[in-house]
Amino acid sequence: MDSPSLPPSLLPALVPALPPALVKKIDAEEGSGAILVFLPGWEDITKVHETLQRLPQSRRWRLYPLHSQLPMDQQREIFSPPPPGLRKIVLATNIAESSITIDDVVYVLDGGKHKEKTYDAEKKVAPAGSSQGSAGISSPVESLNVI
């Protein structure tokens, strides 16, 4: 018997709704450590960031959107530990997965949906961040792949 699957038309509505629910669950039920949430693009990062900011639990969190559109000094903030008693939550695209390492990430949420640019053989170029990296973390993590 095949397991039920969601219609693809529901995915756009779930992208901004599911990560906040999972972040809340991790925060309530799991140990300390930063949470890294991979999202498809800037619009999704913004929506999830705004949703998380409106939650009562957000006073216990330090939220860090991460995207190339942000100033470099703001991007660098993700590498600093959060103040005592706060949990760091980084919202990023999958490009961060292969291009940065965040030492204190313990939980990774990956919806599996991403925007992908490919190598253009005619122009002989690849998108920035396409090189092999360190998978965004440097310590053992619990990964939840939501696909």
N, C-alpha and C. Protein backbone atom coordinates (compact mmCIF):
# COMPACT_ATOMS: atom_id res chain seq x y z
N MET A 1 0.84 -1.18 0.00
CA MET A 1 0.00 0.00 0.00
C MET A 1 0.89 1.25 0.00
N ASP A 2 0.62 2.15 -0.91
CA ASP A 2 1.38 3.39 -0.98
C ASP A 2 1.01 4.32 0.17
N SER A 3 2.02 5.03 0.68
CA SER A 3 1.73 6.01 1.72
C SER A 3 1.13 7.25 1.07
N PRO A 4 0.23 7.92 1.79
CA PRO A 4 -0.40 9.11 1.21
C PRO A 4 0.64 10.22 1.03
N SER A 5 0.47 11.00 0.00
CA SER A 5 1.37 12.12 -0.22
C SER A 5 0.55 13.40 -0.37
N LEU A 6 1.21 14.50 -0.10
CA LEU A 6 0.55 15.80 -0.22
C LEU A 6 0.53 16.23 -1.67
N PRO A 7 -0.56 16.85 -2.09
CA PRO A 7 -0.56 17.40 -3.44
C PRO A 7 0.49 18.52 -3.54
N PRO A 8 1.23 18.59 -4.64
CA PRO A 8 2.25 19.63 -4.80
C PRO A 8 1.71 21.04 -4.62
N SER A 9 0.42 21.24 -4.91
CA SER A 9 -0.17 22.58 -4.78
C SER A 9 -0.19 23.06 -3.33
N LEU A 10 -0.08 22.15 -2.36
CA LEU A 10 -0.08 22.55 -0.94
C LEU A 10 1.29 23.01 -0.46
N LEU A 11 2.36 22.65 -1.15
CA LEU A 11 3.71 22.98 -0.70
C LEU A 11 3.95 24.47 -0.47
N PRO A 12 3.52 25.37 -1.38
CA PRO A 12 3.77 26.79 -1.12
C PRO A 12 3.15 27.27 0.19
N ALA A 13 2.00 26.72 0.58
CA ALA A 13 1.37 27.13 1.83
C ALA A 13 2.10 26.53 3.03
N LEU A 14 2.69 25.35 2.87
CA LEU A 14 3.36 24.70 3.99
C LEU A 14 4.74 25.26 4.28
N VAL A 15 5.42 25.77 3.26
CA VAL A 15 6.80 26.24 3.47
C VAL A 15 6.88 27.25 4.60
N PRO A 16 6.03 28.30 4.64
CA PRO A 16 6.16 29.24 5.76
C PRO A 16 5.54 28.72 7.06
N ALA A 17 4.64 27.75 7.00
CA ALA A 17 3.94 27.29 8.20
C ALA A 17 4.66 26.17 8.95
N LEU A 18 5.29 25.27 8.25
CA LEU A 18 5.89 24.10 8.88
C LEU A 18 7.14 24.40 9.71
N PRO A 19 8.10 25.18 9.20
CA PRO A 19 9.30 25.44 10.02
C PRO A 19 9.00 26.05 11.39
N PRO A 20 8.11 27.04 11.51
CA PRO A 20 7.84 27.56 12.86
C PRO A 20 7.29 26.49 13.80
N ALA A 21 6.43 25.62 13.30
CA ALA A 21 5.88 24.56 14.15
C ALA A 21 6.99 23.61 14.61
N LEU A 22 7.91 23.28 13.71
CA LEU A 22 9.01 22.38 14.06
C LEU A 22 10.01 23.06 15.00
N VAL A 23 10.28 24.34 14.78
CA VAL A 23 11.18 25.08 15.68
C VAL A 23 10.57 25.10 17.09
N LYS A 24 9.29 25.37 17.19
CA LYS A 24 8.62 25.37 18.50
C LYS A 24 8.74 24.01 19.17
N LYS A 25 8.56 22.94 18.40
CA LYS A 25 8.64 21.59 18.95
C LYS A 25 10.05 21.28 19.45
N ILE A 26 11.05 21.59 18.65
CA ILE A 26 12.44 21.38 19.07
C ILE A 26 12.75 22.18 20.33
N ASP A 27 12.34 23.44 20.33
CA ASP A 27 12.63 24.31 21.47
C ASP A 27 11.98 23.78 22.75
N ALA A 28 10.79 23.24 22.64
CA ALA A 28 10.06 22.76 23.82
C ALA A 28 10.53 21.38 24.28
N GLU A 29 10.95 20.52 23.34
CA GLU A 29 11.18 19.12 23.69
C GLU A 29 12.63 18.65 23.62
N GLU A 30 13.50 19.42 23.01
CA GLU A 30 14.87 18.96 22.83
C GLU A 30 15.83 19.80 23.66
N GLY A 31 17.08 19.34 23.71
CA GLY A 31 18.11 20.04 24.46
C GLY A 31 18.53 21.34 23.80
N SER A 32 19.49 21.99 24.40
CA SER A 32 19.96 23.27 23.89
C SER A 32 20.76 23.07 22.61
N GLY A 33 20.99 24.15 21.92
CA GLY A 33 21.76 24.14 20.68
C GLY A 33 21.05 24.93 19.60
N ALA A 34 21.83 25.41 18.67
CA ALA A 34 21.28 26.23 17.59
C ALA A 34 20.49 25.37 16.61
N ILE A 35 19.53 26.01 15.96
CA ILE A 35 18.70 25.37 14.94
C ILE A 35 18.99 26.06 13.61
N LEU A 36 19.29 25.26 12.59
CA LEU A 36 19.52 25.77 11.24
C LEU A 36 18.36 25.31 10.37
N VAL A 37 17.65 26.27 9.76
CA VAL A 37 16.49 25.98 8.93
C VAL A 37 16.81 26.36 7.50
N PHE A 38 16.79 25.37 6.60
CA PHE A 38 17.02 25.64 5.18
C PHE A 38 15.68 25.92 4.51
N LEU A 39 15.63 27.03 3.77
CA LEU A 39 14.41 27.45 3.08
C LEU A 39 14.76 27.75 1.62
N PRO A 40 13.75 27.73 0.73
CA PRO A 40 14.04 27.87 -0.70
C PRO A 40 14.61 29.22 -1.14
N GLY A 41 14.22 30.31 -0.50
CA GLY A 41 14.69 31.62 -0.97
C GLY A 41 14.41 32.73 0.02
N TRP A 42 14.77 33.94 -0.38
CA TRP A 42 14.65 35.11 0.50
C TRP A 42 13.21 35.35 0.95
N GLU A 43 12.27 35.20 0.04
CA GLU A 43 10.86 35.42 0.39
C GLU A 43 10.43 34.46 1.51
N ASP A 44 10.82 33.22 1.42
CA ASP A 44 10.48 32.23 2.45
C ASP A 44 11.20 32.54 3.76
N ILE A 45 12.47 32.95 3.68
CA ILE A 45 13.20 33.33 4.88
C ILE A 45 12.48 34.47 5.59
N THR A 46 12.06 35.47 4.83
CA THR A 46 11.36 36.62 5.40
C THR A 46 10.04 36.21 6.05
N LYS A 47 9.25 35.38 5.37
CA LYS A 47 7.97 34.94 5.92
C LYS A 47 8.14 34.15 7.21
N VAL A 48 9.08 33.20 7.21
CA VAL A 48 9.31 32.38 8.40
C VAL A 48 9.86 33.24 9.54
N HIS A 49 10.76 34.15 9.23
CA HIS A 49 11.32 35.06 10.23
C HIS A 49 10.21 35.87 10.90
N GLU A 50 9.34 36.45 10.08
CA GLU A 50 8.22 37.25 10.61
C GLU A 50 7.29 36.40 11.47
N THR A 51 7.02 35.18 11.03
CA THR A 51 6.14 34.28 11.79
C THR A 51 6.77 33.93 13.14
N LEU A 52 8.06 33.61 13.14
CA LEU A 52 8.74 33.27 14.39
C LEU A 52 8.79 34.47 15.34
N GLN A 53 8.99 35.67 14.82
CA GLN A 53 9.04 36.87 15.66
C GLN A 53 7.72 37.12 16.38
N ARG A 54 6.61 36.71 15.79
CA ARG A 54 5.30 36.95 16.39
C ARG A 54 4.94 35.94 17.49
N LEU A 55 5.69 34.86 17.60
CA LEU A 55 5.38 33.83 18.59
C LEU A 55 5.84 34.27 19.99
N PRO A 56 5.10 33.89 21.03
CA PRO A 56 5.51 34.25 22.39
C PRO A 56 6.89 33.70 22.76
N GLN A 57 7.25 32.55 22.21
CA GLN A 57 8.54 31.94 22.52
C GLN A 57 9.71 32.75 21.97
N SER A 58 9.47 33.66 21.06
CA SER A 58 10.56 34.37 20.38
C SER A 58 11.42 35.17 21.36
N ARG A 59 10.92 35.47 22.53
CA ARG A 59 11.75 36.19 23.51
C ARG A 59 12.91 35.33 24.01
N ARG A 60 12.82 34.00 23.78
CA ARG A 60 13.90 33.08 24.16
C ARG A 60 14.82 32.75 22.99
N TRP A 61 14.58 33.37 21.85
CA TRP A 61 15.33 33.05 20.65
C TRP A 61 16.10 34.25 20.13
N ARG A 62 17.20 33.98 19.46
CA ARG A 62 17.92 35.00 18.68
C ARG A 62 17.80 34.53 17.24
N LEU A 63 17.02 35.25 16.44
CA LEU A 63 16.75 34.88 15.05
C LEU A 63 17.74 35.56 14.11
N TYR A 64 18.29 34.76 13.19
CA TYR A 64 19.26 35.25 12.23
C TYR A 64 18.86 34.85 10.81
N PRO A 65 18.28 35.78 10.05
CA PRO A 65 18.10 35.48 8.63
C PRO A 65 19.46 35.55 7.96
N LEU A 66 19.69 34.66 7.01
CA LEU A 66 20.98 34.64 6.31
C LEU A 66 20.73 34.57 4.81
N HIS A 67 21.19 35.61 4.11
CA HIS A 67 21.04 35.65 2.66
C HIS A 67 22.05 36.65 2.11
N SER A 68 22.45 36.46 0.86
CA SER A 68 23.44 37.34 0.25
C SER A 68 22.96 38.78 0.13
N GLN A 69 21.65 39.02 0.23
CA GLN A 69 21.11 40.37 0.14
C GLN A 69 21.38 41.19 1.41
N LEU A 70 21.74 40.52 2.49
CA LEU A 70 21.98 41.21 3.75
C LEU A 70 23.40 41.75 3.82
N PRO A 71 23.62 42.84 4.56
CA PRO A 71 24.98 43.37 4.72
C PRO A 71 25.90 42.33 5.35
N MET A 72 27.17 42.35 4.97
CA MET A 72 28.13 41.36 5.44
C MET A 72 28.24 41.33 6.96
N ASP A 73 28.22 42.49 7.63
CA ASP A 73 28.33 42.50 9.08
C ASP A 73 27.13 41.79 9.73
N GLN A 74 25.96 41.92 9.12
CA GLN A 74 24.78 41.21 9.63
C GLN A 74 24.92 39.70 9.38
N GLN A 75 25.48 39.31 8.25
CA GLN A 75 25.68 37.89 7.96
C GLN A 75 26.67 37.26 8.94
N ARG A 76 27.68 38.01 9.34
CA ARG A 76 28.70 37.48 10.25
C ARG A 76 28.16 37.19 11.65
N GLU A 77 27.05 37.83 12.02
CA GLU A 77 26.47 37.63 13.35
C GLU A 77 26.11 36.17 13.64
N ILE A 78 25.86 35.40 12.60
CA ILE A 78 25.46 34.01 12.82
C ILE A 78 26.56 33.17 13.46
N PHE A 79 27.80 33.64 13.38
CA PHE A 79 28.92 32.87 13.92
C PHE A 79 29.14 33.11 15.41
N SER A 80 28.52 34.15 15.97
CA SER A 80 28.67 34.45 17.39
C SER A 80 27.68 33.62 18.20
N PRO A 81 28.09 33.21 19.40
CA PRO A 81 27.13 32.48 20.23
C PRO A 81 26.03 33.44 20.70
N PRO A 82 24.84 32.93 20.91
CA PRO A 82 23.77 33.80 21.40
C PRO A 82 24.02 34.15 22.87
N PRO A 83 23.38 35.20 23.36
CA PRO A 83 23.51 35.51 24.79
C PRO A 83 23.00 34.33 25.62
N PRO A 84 23.50 34.19 26.86
CA PRO A 84 23.06 33.09 27.73
C PRO A 84 21.53 33.04 27.85
N GLY A 85 21.01 31.83 27.77
CA GLY A 85 19.57 31.63 27.89
C GLY A 85 18.78 31.78 26.61
N LEU A 86 19.44 32.15 25.52
CA LEU A 86 18.75 32.28 24.24
C LEU A 86 19.22 31.20 23.28
N ARG A 87 18.30 30.75 22.43
CA ARG A 87 18.63 29.76 21.41
C ARG A 87 18.79 30.47 20.07
N LYS A 88 19.87 30.17 19.38
CA LYS A 88 20.12 30.72 18.06
C LYS A 88 19.32 29.93 17.03
N ILE A 89 18.63 30.67 16.14
CA ILE A 89 17.90 30.05 15.04
C ILE A 89 18.31 30.77 13.77
N VAL A 90 18.92 30.03 12.84
CA VAL A 90 19.42 30.58 11.58
C VAL A 90 18.50 30.13 10.46
N LEU A 91 18.01 31.08 9.68
CA LEU A 91 17.15 30.81 8.53
C LEU A 91 17.96 31.11 7.28
N ALA A 92 18.22 30.10 6.47
CA ALA A 92 19.12 30.26 5.33
C ALA A 92 18.64 29.45 4.13
N THR A 93 19.22 29.76 2.97
CA THR A 93 18.95 28.95 1.79
C THR A 93 19.95 27.80 1.76
N ASN A 94 19.74 26.86 0.86
CA ASN A 94 20.62 25.70 0.76
C ASN A 94 22.03 26.08 0.30
N ILE A 95 22.24 27.28 -0.21
CA ILE A 95 23.59 27.70 -0.59
C ILE A 95 24.48 27.70 0.64
N ALA A 96 23.91 28.07 1.79
CA ALA A 96 24.68 28.08 3.04
C ALA A 96 25.15 26.67 3.41
N GLU A 97 24.44 25.66 2.95
CA GLU A 97 24.78 24.28 3.28
C GLU A 97 26.18 23.90 2.81
N SER A 98 26.59 24.47 1.70
CA SER A 98 27.89 24.08 1.15
C SER A 98 28.94 25.18 1.26
N SER A 99 28.59 26.30 1.89
CA SER A 99 29.54 27.39 1.88
C SER A 99 29.94 27.94 3.24
N ILE A 100 29.28 27.51 4.33
CA ILE A 100 29.63 28.03 5.66
C ILE A 100 29.59 26.90 6.69
N THR A 101 30.20 27.17 7.83
CA THR A 101 30.14 26.26 8.97
C THR A 101 29.71 27.05 10.19
N ILE A 102 28.66 26.60 10.84
CA ILE A 102 28.17 27.23 12.07
C ILE A 102 28.39 26.23 13.19
N ASP A 103 29.35 26.53 14.04
CA ASP A 103 29.82 25.56 15.04
C ASP A 103 28.77 25.07 16.02
N ASP A 104 27.82 25.92 16.43
CA ASP A 104 26.91 25.50 17.50
C ASP A 104 25.58 24.95 17.01
N VAL A 105 25.46 24.64 15.71
CA VAL A 105 24.22 24.06 15.19
C VAL A 105 24.10 22.61 15.67
N VAL A 106 22.95 22.31 16.26
CA VAL A 106 22.68 20.96 16.75
C VAL A 106 21.48 20.35 16.01
N TYR A 107 20.59 21.19 15.52
CA TYR A 107 19.38 20.73 14.84
C TYR A 107 19.30 21.38 13.46
N VAL A 108 18.99 20.56 12.45
CA VAL A 108 18.86 21.06 11.09
C VAL A 108 17.48 20.66 10.56
N LEU A 109 16.75 21.65 10.06
CA LEU A 109 15.46 21.41 9.41
C LEU A 109 15.64 21.69 7.92
N ASP A 110 15.33 20.72 7.11
CA ASP A 110 15.50 20.86 5.67
C ASP A 110 14.24 20.39 4.97
N GLY A 111 13.54 21.34 4.36
CA GLY A 111 12.31 21.01 3.67
C GLY A 111 12.53 20.31 2.35
N GLY A 112 13.77 20.26 1.90
CA GLY A 112 14.08 19.55 0.66
C GLY A 112 13.75 20.35 -0.58
N LYS A 113 13.09 21.48 -0.43
CA LYS A 113 12.75 22.30 -1.59
C LYS A 113 13.77 23.43 -1.67
N HIS A 114 14.36 23.61 -2.84
CA HIS A 114 15.34 24.67 -2.99
C HIS A 114 15.37 25.16 -4.42
N LYS A 115 15.89 26.36 -4.56
CA LYS A 115 16.11 26.90 -5.89
C LYS A 115 17.50 26.45 -6.30
N GLU A 116 17.63 25.99 -7.51
CA GLU A 116 18.92 25.46 -7.94
C GLU A 116 19.36 26.12 -9.23
N LYS A 117 20.58 26.55 -9.22
CA LYS A 117 21.20 27.07 -10.44
C LYS A 117 22.22 26.03 -10.86
N THR A 118 22.36 25.87 -12.15
CA THR A 118 23.26 24.83 -12.62
C THR A 118 24.41 25.42 -13.43
N TYR A 119 25.39 24.59 -13.66
CA TYR A 119 26.55 24.97 -14.45
C TYR A 119 26.15 25.23 -15.89
N ASP A 120 26.60 26.33 -16.43
CA ASP A 120 26.34 26.67 -17.82
C ASP A 120 27.60 26.32 -18.61
N ALA A 121 27.56 25.19 -19.31
CA ALA A 121 28.74 24.71 -20.03
C ALA A 121 29.17 25.66 -21.15
N GLU A 122 28.21 26.31 -21.75
CA GLU A 122 28.54 27.24 -22.84
C GLU A 122 29.30 28.46 -22.32
N LYS A 123 28.84 29.01 -21.19
CA LYS A 123 29.50 30.18 -20.61
C LYS A 123 30.62 29.80 -19.66
N LYS A 124 30.67 28.52 -19.31
CA LYS A 124 31.68 27.99 -18.39
C LYS A 124 31.66 28.70 -17.04
N VAL A 125 30.45 28.85 -16.49
CA VAL A 125 30.31 29.46 -15.18
C VAL A 125 29.37 28.63 -14.32
N ALA A 126 29.58 28.72 -13.03
CA ALA A 126 28.70 28.09 -12.05
C ALA A 126 28.30 29.16 -11.05
N PRO A 127 27.17 28.98 -10.39
CA PRO A 127 26.74 29.99 -9.44
C PRO A 127 27.68 30.06 -8.24
N ALA A 128 27.74 31.22 -7.59
CA ALA A 128 28.53 31.37 -6.37
C ALA A 128 28.01 30.40 -5.33
N GLY A 129 28.92 29.85 -4.55
CA GLY A 129 28.53 28.92 -3.50
C GLY A 129 28.32 27.50 -3.99
N SER A 130 28.70 27.22 -5.23
CA SER A 130 28.45 25.88 -5.75
C SER A 130 29.56 24.89 -5.44
N SER A 131 30.63 25.36 -4.83
CA SER A 131 31.73 24.44 -4.52
C SER A 131 31.41 23.60 -3.31
N GLN A 132 32.08 22.48 -3.17
CA GLN A 132 31.89 21.60 -2.03
C GLN A 132 32.26 22.34 -0.76
N GLY A 133 31.50 22.12 0.30
CA GLY A 133 31.75 22.80 1.57
C GLY A 133 31.60 21.86 2.72
N SER A 134 31.26 22.42 3.85
CA SER A 134 31.25 21.64 5.08
C SER A 134 29.86 21.36 5.61
N ALA A 135 28.86 21.43 4.77
CA ALA A 135 27.49 21.07 5.12
C ALA A 135 26.90 21.93 6.22
N GLY A 136 27.47 23.10 6.49
CA GLY A 136 26.86 24.06 7.39
C GLY A 136 27.03 23.79 8.87
N ILE A 137 27.67 22.72 9.26
CA ILE A 137 27.79 22.37 10.66
C ILE A 137 29.14 21.75 10.94
N SER A 138 29.53 21.73 12.21
CA SER A 138 30.81 21.12 12.53
C SER A 138 30.71 20.11 13.66
N SER A 139 29.52 19.89 14.18
CA SER A 139 29.36 18.95 15.28
C SER A 139 28.20 18.01 14.95
N PRO A 140 28.03 16.91 15.73
CA PRO A 140 26.91 16.00 15.48
C PRO A 140 25.58 16.73 15.58
N VAL A 141 24.67 16.44 14.69
CA VAL A 141 23.39 17.12 14.69
C VAL A 141 22.25 16.13 14.53
N GLU A 142 21.06 16.61 14.86
CA GLU A 142 19.84 15.89 14.54
C GLU A 142 19.25 16.60 13.34
N SER A 143 19.02 15.87 12.27
CA SER A 143 18.52 16.46 11.04
C SER A 143 17.11 15.95 10.78
N LEU A 144 16.22 16.89 10.46
CA LEU A 144 14.86 16.54 10.11
C LEU A 144 14.63 16.97 8.68
N ASN A 145 14.54 16.02 7.79
CA ASN A 145 14.31 16.31 6.38
C ASN A 145 12.82 16.14 6.12
N VAL A 146 12.17 17.23 5.77
CA VAL A 146 10.73 17.25 5.62
C VAL A 146 10.36 17.15 4.16
N ILE A 147 10.38 15.92 3.63
CA ILE A 147 9.98 15.72 2.25
C ILE A 147 9.21 14.43 2.12
